[in-house]
Amino acid sequence: MNITFIGGGNMATALVSGLHKARPGRLELRVADPSEEARKQMMREYDVETFRDGREAVRGADVVVLAVKPQIMPSVLEGLAEVIEGGQLVLSIAAGTTIAELESALGAEHPVVRAMPNTPALIGRGICGLYASENCRPHHREQAERIMRAAGDTMWIGDEALMDVVTALSGSGPAYFFLLTEALAKAGAELGLDEEDALRLAARTAEGAGAMLSDSEESAATLRQRVTSPGGTTEAGVEVLEARGFHDLIREAVEAATRRGRELAG
């Protein structure tokens, strides 16, 4: 499979790195980026073919991965419209760019998949929501999934409108967890712990709790209940969070991020 990345930023690098490590059989990777430094780094670290001009890079590709910022997507699509062929899968990892926009710019006959990865993909621990256009066949889905699994887990979303919710939950979600960890560390320091010790305790707790949830077949609610002994210290803390509307606050945050995603998508 020949895969061309338009854009050589952090997410493209994460995917190229993962594909490079697991490169089975025939897998040709190309990267197009206007930055000479980005191209040199890709060649140096992953031994991939690089291009300054994306139009040259997409020729003969099985999959074209659009890994550019949403604000420059229109100009990128305009440049690629004349050279992308009908059978090539277009895989977009740009937030907010819809299937309709991609088809309008490139042609309605193209198979298109939208992907919403998140920043843990940079360490191979991401989760990515995928949505396929009507022109996608099973092998197109397999190609998209193979690429995105190079940086973590994947799941298919049945309604494109829900991609904004995916963005708000898992795309923005790491920031919510960082904020919670930051708040835990700050509280510990204010109650007397050394700041570095408090941050280490909070960060490793977040890491361990996430691993327990990921590796367990039980729900987050069940794991929480197991930690929360009746009349104990955890119950005292959880009661404060619930009394202050913790669940409602998180829902409002995800709703706000969802609305913003839809606004950015026009």
C-alpha atoms as a PDB file:
ATOM      1  CA  MET A   1       0.000   0.000   0.000  1.00  0.00           C
ATOM      2  CA  ASN A   2       1.269   3.443  -0.968  1.00  0.00           C
ATOM      3  CA  ILE A   3       0.359   6.118   1.598  1.00  0.00           C
ATOM      4  CA  THR A   4       0.951   9.820   1.018  1.00  0.00           C
ATOM      5  CA  PHE A   5       0.733  12.287   3.898  1.00  0.00           C
ATOM      6  CA  ILE A   6      -0.081  15.872   3.024  1.00  0.00           C
ATOM      7  CA  GLY A   7       1.461  17.664   5.994  1.00  0.00           C
ATOM      8  CA  GLY A   8       4.306  16.501   8.204  1.00  0.00           C
ATOM      9  CA  GLY A   9       3.235  17.826  11.609  1.00  0.00           C
ATOM     10  CA  ASN A  10       2.946  16.043  14.951  1.00  0.00           C
ATOM     11  CA  MET A  11       0.015  13.773  14.105  1.00  0.00           C
ATOM     12  CA  ALA A  12       1.424  12.798  10.720  1.00  0.00           C
ATOM     13  CA  THR A  13       4.744  12.061  12.426  1.00  0.00           C
ATOM     14  CA  ALA A  14       3.006   9.852  14.990  1.00  0.00           C
ATOM     15  CA  LEU A  15       1.298   7.855  12.231  1.00  0.00           C
ATOM     16  CA  VAL A  16       4.432   7.602  10.098  1.00  0.00           C
ATOM     17  CA  SER A  17       6.397   6.453  13.143  1.00  0.00           C
ATOM     18  CA  GLY A  18       3.848   3.759  13.987  1.00  0.00           C
ATOM     19  CA  LEU A  19       3.594   2.541  10.399  1.00  0.00           C
ATOM     20  CA  HIS A  20       7.377   2.550  10.076  1.00  0.00           C
ATOM     21  CA  LYS A  21       7.777   0.345  13.142  1.00  0.00           C
ATOM     22  CA  ALA A  22       5.113  -2.156  12.059  1.00  0.00           C
ATOM     23  CA  ARG A  23       5.836  -1.972   8.346  1.00  0.00           C
ATOM     24  CA  PRO A  24       4.797  -5.413   7.087  1.00  0.00           C
ATOM     25  CA  GLY A  25       5.448  -6.349   3.469  1.00  0.00           C
ATOM     26  CA  ARG A  26       4.899  -3.724   0.838  1.00  0.00           C
ATOM     27  CA  LEU A  27       4.192  -0.375   2.468  1.00  0.00           C
ATOM     28  CA  GLU A  28       5.484   2.788   0.823  1.00  0.00           C
ATOM     29  CA  LEU A  29       5.274   6.051   2.768  1.00  0.00           C
ATOM     30  CA  ARG A  30       5.521   9.543   1.320  1.00  0.00           C
ATOM     31  CA  VAL A  31       5.291  12.905   3.064  1.00  0.00           C
ATOM     32  CA  ALA A  32       4.648  16.292   1.463  1.00  0.00           C
ATOM     33  CA  ASP A  33       5.395  19.413   3.491  1.00  0.00           C
ATOM     34  CA  PRO A  34       6.552  22.921   2.509  1.00  0.00           C
ATOM     35  CA  SER A  35       8.989  22.987   5.439  1.00  0.00           C
ATOM     36  CA  GLU A  36      12.461  21.822   4.464  1.00  0.00           C
ATOM     37  CA  GLU A  37      13.273  21.058   8.101  1.00  0.00           C
ATOM     38  CA  ALA A  38      10.174  18.861   8.457  1.00  0.00           C
ATOM     39  CA  ARG A  39      11.112  16.970   5.296  1.00  0.00           C
ATOM     40  CA  LYS A  40      14.691  16.455   6.466  1.00  0.00           C
ATOM     41  CA  GLN A  41      13.496  15.130   9.810  1.00  0.00           C
ATOM     42  CA  MET A  42      11.118  12.667   8.142  1.00  0.00           C
ATOM     43  CA  MET A  43      13.867  11.405   5.844  1.00  0.00           C
ATOM     44  CA  ARG A  44      16.388  11.191   8.672  1.00  0.00           C
ATOM     45  CA  GLU A  45      14.188   9.388  11.197  1.00  0.00           C
ATOM     46  CA  TYR A  46      11.894   7.258   9.026  1.00  0.00           C
ATOM     47  CA  ASP A  47      13.630   6.973   5.639  1.00  0.00           C
ATOM     48  CA  VAL A  48      10.504   8.063   3.752  1.00  0.00           C
ATOM     49  CA  GLU A  49      10.282   9.798   0.404  1.00  0.00           C
ATOM     50  CA  THR A  50       9.468  13.479   0.816  1.00  0.00           C
ATOM     51  CA  PHE A  51       8.081  16.181  -1.441  1.00  0.00           C
ATOM     52  CA  ARG A  52       7.647  19.924  -1.238  1.00  0.00           C
ATOM     53  CA  ASP A  53       4.672  19.818  -3.611  1.00  0.00           C
ATOM     54  CA  GLY A  54       1.707  17.702  -2.525  1.00  0.00           C
ATOM     55  CA  ARG A  55       0.439  17.432  -6.076  1.00  0.00           C
ATOM     56  CA  GLU A  56       3.517  15.477  -7.054  1.00  0.00           C
ATOM     57  CA  ALA A  57       3.356  13.305  -3.938  1.00  0.00           C
ATOM     58  CA  VAL A  58      -0.199  11.997  -4.456  1.00  0.00           C
ATOM     59  CA  ARG A  59       0.444  10.494  -7.875  1.00  0.00           C
ATOM     60  CA  GLY A  60       0.120   6.710  -7.641  1.00  0.00           C
ATOM     61  CA  ALA A  61      -0.905   6.732  -3.962  1.00  0.00           C
ATOM     62  CA  ASP A  62      -3.519   4.294  -2.682  1.00  0.00           C
ATOM     63  CA  VAL A  63      -4.344   6.560   0.278  1.00  0.00           C
ATOM     64  CA  VAL A  64      -3.939  10.314   0.625  1.00  0.00           C
ATOM     65  CA  VAL A  65      -3.883  11.400   4.278  1.00  0.00           C
ATOM     66  CA  LEU A  66      -4.809  15.046   4.765  1.00  0.00           C
ATOM     67  CA  ALA A  67      -2.865  16.024   7.896  1.00  0.00           C
ATOM     68  CA  VAL A  68      -3.012  19.814   7.694  1.00  0.00           C
ATOM     69  CA  LYS A  69      -4.589  22.478   9.899  1.00  0.00           C
ATOM     70  CA  PRO A  70      -8.293  23.135   9.199  1.00  0.00           C
ATOM     71  CA  GLN A  71      -7.659  26.767   8.325  1.00  0.00           C
ATOM     72  CA  ILE A  72      -5.413  25.890   5.377  1.00  0.00           C
ATOM     73  CA  MET A  73      -7.484  22.905   4.224  1.00  0.00           C
ATOM     74  CA  PRO A  74      -9.389  24.863   1.516  1.00  0.00           C
ATOM     75  CA  SER A  75      -6.199  25.949  -0.243  1.00  0.00           C
ATOM     76  CA  VAL A  76      -4.714  22.435   0.074  1.00  0.00           C
ATOM     77  CA  LEU A  77      -7.840  20.877  -1.455  1.00  0.00           C
ATOM     78  CA  GLU A  78      -7.819  23.411  -4.276  1.00  0.00           C
ATOM     79  CA  GLY A  79      -4.264  22.421  -5.106  1.00  0.00           C
ATOM     80  CA  LEU A  80      -4.991  18.692  -5.029  1.00  0.00           C
ATOM     81  CA  ALA A  81      -8.347  18.702  -6.835  1.00  0.00           C
ATOM     82  CA  GLU A  82      -6.875  18.297 -10.301  1.00  0.00           C
ATOM     83  CA  VAL A  83      -4.457  15.493  -9.451  1.00  0.00           C
ATOM     84  CA  ILE A  84      -6.305  13.207  -7.023  1.00  0.00           C
ATOM     85  CA  GLU A  85      -7.691  10.186  -8.856  1.00  0.00           C
ATOM     86  CA  GLY A  86     -11.120   8.658  -8.349  1.00  0.00           C
ATOM     87  CA  GLY A  87      -9.930   5.403  -6.808  1.00  0.00           C
ATOM     88  CA  GLN A  88      -7.671   6.961  -4.206  1.00  0.00           C
ATOM     89  CA  LEU A  89      -8.924   6.937  -0.622  1.00  0.00           C
ATOM     90  CA  VAL A  90      -8.864  10.369   0.994  1.00  0.00           C
ATOM     91  CA  LEU A  91      -8.342  10.136   4.764  1.00  0.00           C
ATOM     92  CA  SER A  92      -8.742  13.456   6.585  1.00  0.00           C
ATOM     93  CA  ILE A  93      -7.552  13.971  10.162  1.00  0.00           C
ATOM     94  CA  ALA A  94      -8.462  17.671  10.179  1.00  0.00           C
ATOM     95  CA  ALA A  95     -11.049  18.572  12.816  1.00  0.00           C
ATOM     96  CA  GLY A  96     -14.254  20.137  11.543  1.00  0.00           C
ATOM     97  CA  THR A  97     -13.775  19.452   7.824  1.00  0.00           C
ATOM     98  CA  THR A  98     -16.866  17.543   6.710  1.00  0.00           C
ATOM     99  CA  ILE A  99     -17.316  14.838   4.104  1.00  0.00           C
ATOM    100  CA  ALA A 100     -19.455  17.251   2.083  1.00  0.00           C
ATOM    101  CA  GLU A 101     -16.666  19.844   2.032  1.00  0.00           C
ATOM    102  CA  LEU A 102     -14.110  17.273   0.945  1.00  0.00           C
ATOM    103  CA  GLU A 103     -16.374  15.883  -1.774  1.00  0.00           C
ATOM    104  CA  SER A 104     -17.272  19.378  -2.971  1.00  0.00           C
ATOM    105  CA  ALA A 105     -13.605  20.269  -3.388  1.00  0.00           C
ATOM    106  CA  LEU A 106     -12.299  16.972  -4.754  1.00  0.00           C
ATOM    107  CA  GLY A 107     -15.321  15.397  -6.430  1.00  0.00           C
ATOM    108  CA  ALA A 108     -18.229  13.360  -5.121  1.00  0.00           C
ATOM    109  CA  GLU A 109     -16.871  10.125  -6.593  1.00  0.00           C
ATOM    110  CA  HIS A 110     -13.976   9.891  -4.157  1.00  0.00           C
ATOM    111  CA  PRO A 111     -14.050   7.486  -1.193  1.00  0.00           C
ATOM    112  CA  VAL A 112     -13.488   9.650   1.893  1.00  0.00           C
ATOM    113  CA  VAL A 113     -12.929   8.815   5.570  1.00  0.00           C
ATOM    114  CA  ARG A 114     -12.901  11.382   8.370  1.00  0.00           C
ATOM    115  CA  ALA A 115     -10.702  10.571  11.342  1.00  0.00           C
ATOM    116  CA  MET A 116     -10.531  12.271  14.741  1.00  0.00           C
ATOM    117  CA  PRO A 117      -7.411  11.137  16.619  1.00  0.00           C
ATOM    118  CA  ASN A 118      -6.230  12.618  19.912  1.00  0.00           C
ATOM    119  CA  THR A 119      -2.854  13.665  21.279  1.00  0.00           C
ATOM    120  CA  PRO A 120      -2.013  10.371  23.077  1.00  0.00           C
ATOM    121  CA  ALA A 121      -1.499   9.105  19.529  1.00  0.00           C
ATOM    122  CA  LEU A 122       1.868  10.841  19.790  1.00  0.00           C
ATOM    123  CA  ILE A 123       2.970   8.065  22.165  1.00  0.00           C
ATOM    124  CA  GLY A 124       1.017   5.283  20.432  1.00  0.00           C
ATOM    125  CA  ARG A 125      -1.809   5.316  22.999  1.00  0.00           C
ATOM    126  CA  GLY A 126      -4.444   7.277  21.104  1.00  0.00           C
ATOM    127  CA  ILE A 127      -8.082   6.603  20.318  1.00  0.00           C
ATOM    128  CA  CYS A 128      -9.532   7.634  16.957  1.00  0.00           C
ATOM    129  CA  GLY A 129     -13.116   7.985  15.778  1.00  0.00           C
ATOM    130  CA  LEU A 130     -13.688   7.169  12.087  1.00  0.00           C
ATOM    131  CA  TYR A 131     -16.556   7.964   9.726  1.00  0.00           C
ATOM    132  CA  ALA A 132     -16.757   6.685   6.130  1.00  0.00           C
ATOM    133  CA  SER A 133     -18.518   8.260   3.177  1.00  0.00           C
ATOM    134  CA  GLU A 134     -21.023   6.316   1.079  1.00  0.00           C
ATOM    135  CA  ASN A 135     -18.380   5.702  -1.595  1.00  0.00           C
ATOM    136  CA  CYS A 136     -16.170   3.734   0.784  1.00  0.00           C
ATOM    137  CA  ARG A 137     -15.947  -0.006   0.271  1.00  0.00           C
ATOM    138  CA  PRO A 138     -14.775  -2.546   2.877  1.00  0.00           C
ATOM    139  CA  HIS A 139     -11.169  -2.347   1.664  1.00  0.00           C
ATOM    140  CA  HIS A 140     -11.211   1.438   2.078  1.00  0.00           C
ATOM    141  CA  ARG A 141     -12.313   1.025   5.693  1.00  0.00           C
ATOM    142  CA  GLU A 142      -9.574  -1.540   6.228  1.00  0.00           C
ATOM    143  CA  GLN A 143      -6.964   0.816   4.801  1.00  0.00           C
ATOM    144  CA  ALA A 144      -8.097   3.716   7.007  1.00  0.00           C
ATOM    145  CA  GLU A 145      -8.214   1.537  10.102  1.00  0.00           C
ATOM    146  CA  ARG A 146      -4.768   0.096   9.434  1.00  0.00           C
ATOM    147  CA  ILE A 147      -3.278   3.579   9.181  1.00  0.00           C
ATOM    148  CA  MET A 148      -4.945   4.995  12.285  1.00  0.00           C
ATOM    149  CA  ARG A 149      -4.211   1.879  14.366  1.00  0.00           C
ATOM    150  CA  ALA A 150      -0.534   2.708  13.938  1.00  0.00           C
ATOM    151  CA  ALA A 151      -1.044   5.265  16.725  1.00  0.00           C
ATOM    152  CA  GLY A 152      -3.582   3.545  18.964  1.00  0.00           C
ATOM    153  CA  ASP A 153      -7.137   2.229  19.007  1.00  0.00           C
ATOM    154  CA  THR A 154      -9.968   3.016  16.565  1.00  0.00           C
ATOM    155  CA  MET A 155     -13.759   2.958  16.469  1.00  0.00           C
ATOM    156  CA  TRP A 156     -16.262   3.575  13.674  1.00  0.00           C
ATOM    157  CA  ILE A 157     -18.956   6.216  14.149  1.00  0.00           C
ATOM    158  CA  GLY A 158     -22.267   5.676  12.349  1.00  0.00           C
ATOM    159  CA  ASP A 159     -23.406   9.312  12.124  1.00  0.00           C
ATOM    160  CA  GLU A 160     -21.080  12.052  10.885  1.00  0.00           C
ATOM    161  CA  ALA A 161     -22.812  14.614  13.114  1.00  0.00           C
ATOM    162  CA  LEU A 162     -21.420  12.700  16.107  1.00  0.00           C
ATOM    163  CA  MET A 163     -17.844  13.357  15.003  1.00  0.00           C
ATOM    164  CA  ASP A 164     -18.142  16.726  16.757  1.00  0.00           C
ATOM    165  CA  VAL A 165     -18.969  14.857  19.967  1.00  0.00           C
ATOM    166  CA  VAL A 166     -15.967  12.585  19.414  1.00  0.00           C
ATOM    167  CA  THR A 167     -13.825  15.706  19.022  1.00  0.00           C
ATOM    168  CA  ALA A 168     -15.252  17.203  22.224  1.00  0.00           C
ATOM    169  CA  LEU A 169     -14.849  13.992  24.240  1.00  0.00           C
ATOM    170  CA  SER A 170     -11.642  12.256  23.142  1.00  0.00           C
ATOM    171  CA  GLY A 171     -10.068  15.017  21.058  1.00  0.00           C
ATOM    172  CA  SER A 172     -10.371  17.616  23.820  1.00  0.00           C
ATOM    173  CA  GLY A 173     -10.504  15.046  26.619  1.00  0.00           C
ATOM    174  CA  PRO A 174      -6.761  14.913  27.345  1.00  0.00           C
ATOM    175  CA  ALA A 175      -6.928  18.584  28.353  1.00  0.00           C
ATOM    176  CA  TYR A 176      -9.687  17.785  30.865  1.00  0.00           C
ATOM    177  CA  PHE A 177      -7.527  15.069  32.418  1.00  0.00           C
ATOM    178  CA  PHE A 178      -4.495  17.351  32.513  1.00  0.00           C
ATOM    179  CA  LEU A 179      -6.647  19.998  34.209  1.00  0.00           C
ATOM    180  CA  LEU A 180      -7.850  17.487  36.811  1.00  0.00           C
ATOM    181  CA  THR A 181      -4.275  16.336  37.443  1.00  0.00           C
ATOM    182  CA  GLU A 182      -3.166  19.954  37.728  1.00  0.00           C
ATOM    183  CA  ALA A 183      -5.952  20.646  40.243  1.00  0.00           C
ATOM    184  CA  LEU A 184      -5.084  17.567  42.319  1.00  0.00           C
ATOM    185  CA  ALA A 185      -1.426  18.552  42.444  1.00  0.00           C
ATOM    186  CA  LYS A 186      -2.268  22.133  43.376  1.00  0.00           C
ATOM    187  CA  ALA A 187      -4.565  20.963  46.195  1.00  0.00           C
ATOM    188  CA  GLY A 188      -1.852  18.671  47.557  1.00  0.00           C
ATOM    189  CA  ALA A 189       0.703  21.476  47.501  1.00  0.00           C
ATOM    190  CA  GLU A 190      -1.690  23.885  49.217  1.00  0.00           C
ATOM    191  CA  LEU A 191      -2.211  21.296  51.963  1.00  0.00           C
ATOM    192  CA  GLY A 192       1.510  21.073  52.637  1.00  0.00           C
ATOM    193  CA  LEU A 193       3.137  18.716  50.124  1.00  0.00           C
ATOM    194  CA  ASP A 194       6.172  19.761  48.146  1.00  0.00           C
ATOM    195  CA  GLU A 195       4.991  20.916  44.682  1.00  0.00           C
ATOM    196  CA  GLU A 196       7.098  18.368  42.804  1.00  0.00           C
ATOM    197  CA  ASP A 197       5.953  15.560  45.082  1.00  0.00           C
ATOM    198  CA  ALA A 198       2.316  16.608  44.701  1.00  0.00           C
ATOM    199  CA  LEU A 199       2.591  16.644  40.907  1.00  0.00           C
ATOM    200  CA  ARG A 200       4.320  13.265  40.862  1.00  0.00           C
ATOM    201  CA  LEU A 201       1.621  11.748  43.070  1.00  0.00           C
ATOM    202  CA  ALA A 202      -1.166  13.221  40.908  1.00  0.00           C
ATOM    203  CA  ALA A 203       0.423  12.262  37.579  1.00  0.00           C
ATOM    204  CA  ARG A 204       1.210   8.679  38.562  1.00  0.00           C
ATOM    205  CA  THR A 205      -2.255   8.301  40.064  1.00  0.00           C
ATOM    206  CA  ALA A 206      -3.810   9.442  36.782  1.00  0.00           C
ATOM    207  CA  GLU A 207      -1.546   7.092  34.845  1.00  0.00           C
ATOM    208  CA  GLY A 208      -2.346   4.113  37.050  1.00  0.00           C
ATOM    209  CA  ALA A 209      -6.086   4.760  37.128  1.00  0.00           C
ATOM    210  CA  GLY A 210      -6.176   5.079  33.347  1.00  0.00           C
ATOM    211  CA  ALA A 211      -4.272   1.818  32.928  1.00  0.00           C
ATOM    212  CA  MET A 212      -6.617   0.017  35.328  1.00  0.00           C
ATOM    213  CA  LEU A 213      -9.634   1.214  33.368  1.00  0.00           C
ATOM    214  CA  SER A 214      -8.074   0.384  29.999  1.00  0.00           C
ATOM    215  CA  ASP A 215      -6.991  -3.105  31.063  1.00  0.00           C
ATOM    216  CA  SER A 216     -10.161  -3.991  32.993  1.00  0.00           C
ATOM    217  CA  GLU A 217     -13.383  -5.430  31.611  1.00  0.00           C
ATOM    218  CA  GLU A 218     -15.331  -3.617  34.324  1.00  0.00           C
ATOM    219  CA  SER A 219     -16.893  -0.188  34.014  1.00  0.00           C
ATOM    220  CA  ALA A 220     -15.494   3.049  35.384  1.00  0.00           C
ATOM    221  CA  ALA A 221     -18.425   3.163  37.818  1.00  0.00           C
ATOM    222  CA  THR A 222     -17.591  -0.300  39.193  1.00  0.00           C
ATOM    223  CA  LEU A 223     -13.914   0.550  39.618  1.00  0.00           C
ATOM    224  CA  ARG A 224     -14.831   3.809  41.360  1.00  0.00           C
ATOM    225  CA  GLN A 225     -17.154   1.997  43.746  1.00  0.00           C
ATOM    226  CA  ARG A 226     -14.394  -0.447  44.647  1.00  0.00           C
ATOM    227  CA  VAL A 227     -12.104   2.411  45.640  1.00  0.00           C
ATOM    228  CA  THR A 228     -14.855   4.171  47.582  1.00  0.00           C
ATOM    229  CA  SER A 229     -15.161   2.404  50.920  1.00  0.00           C
ATOM    230  CA  PRO A 230     -18.259   3.395  52.938  1.00  0.00           C
ATOM    231  CA  GLY A 231     -17.384   6.053  55.496  1.00  0.00           C
ATOM    232  CA  GLY A 232     -13.823   6.349  54.208  1.00  0.00           C
ATOM    233  CA  THR A 233     -11.661   9.151  52.881  1.00  0.00           C
ATOM    234  CA  THR A 234     -12.518   8.574  49.209  1.00  0.00           C
ATOM    235  CA  GLU A 235     -16.245   8.710  49.903  1.00  0.00           C
ATOM    236  CA  ALA A 236     -15.768  12.054  51.669  1.00  0.00           C
ATOM    237  CA  GLY A 237     -14.031  13.501  48.615  1.00  0.00           C
ATOM    238  CA  VAL A 238     -16.451  12.020  46.082  1.00  0.00           C
ATOM    239  CA  GLU A 239     -19.441  13.374  48.017  1.00  0.00           C
ATOM    240  CA  VAL A 240     -18.050  16.896  47.680  1.00  0.00           C
ATOM    241  CA  LEU A 241     -17.578  16.475  43.919  1.00  0.00           C
ATOM    242  CA  GLU A 242     -21.086  15.118  43.442  1.00  0.00           C
ATOM    243  CA  ALA A 243     -22.636  17.785  45.672  1.00  0.00           C
ATOM    244  CA  ARG A 244     -20.946  20.489  43.576  1.00  0.00           C
ATOM    245  CA  GLY A 245     -22.382  19.007  40.348  1.00  0.00           C
ATOM    246  CA  PHE A 246     -19.276  17.290  39.006  1.00  0.00           C
ATOM    247  CA  HIS A 247     -21.186  15.218  36.410  1.00  0.00           C
ATOM    248  CA  ASP A 248     -23.156  18.248  35.211  1.00  0.00           C
ATOM    249  CA  LEU A 249     -19.957  20.290  34.934  1.00  0.00           C
ATOM    250  CA  ILE A 250     -18.260  17.678  32.764  1.00  0.00           C
ATOM    251  CA  ARG A 251     -21.355  17.377  30.572  1.00  0.00           C
ATOM    252  CA  GLU A 252     -21.431  21.154  30.116  1.00  0.00           C
ATOM    253  CA  ALA A 253     -17.756  21.149  29.139  1.00  0.00           C
ATOM    254  CA  VAL A 254     -18.284  18.448  26.501  1.00  0.00           C
ATOM    255  CA  GLU A 255     -21.407  20.223  25.215  1.00  0.00           C
ATOM    256  CA  ALA A 256     -19.487  23.506  24.921  1.00  0.00           C
ATOM    257  CA  ALA A 257     -16.660  21.837  23.020  1.00  0.00           C
ATOM    258  CA  THR A 258     -19.200  20.121  20.728  1.00  0.00           C
ATOM    259  CA  ARG A 259     -20.910  23.429  19.962  1.00  0.00           C
ATOM    260  CA  ARG A 260     -17.575  25.071  19.225  1.00  0.00           C
ATOM    261  CA  GLY A 261     -16.642  22.249  16.871  1.00  0.00           C
ATOM    262  CA  ARG A 262     -19.848  22.757  14.929  1.00  0.00           C
ATOM    263  CA  GLU A 263     -19.266  26.507  14.801  1.00  0.00           C
ATOM    264  CA  LEU A 264     -15.773  25.996  13.388  1.00  0.00           C
ATOM    265  CA  ALA A 265     -17.200  23.613  10.793  1.00  0.00           C
ATOM    266  CA  GLY A 266     -19.650  26.318   9.721  1.00  0.00           C
END
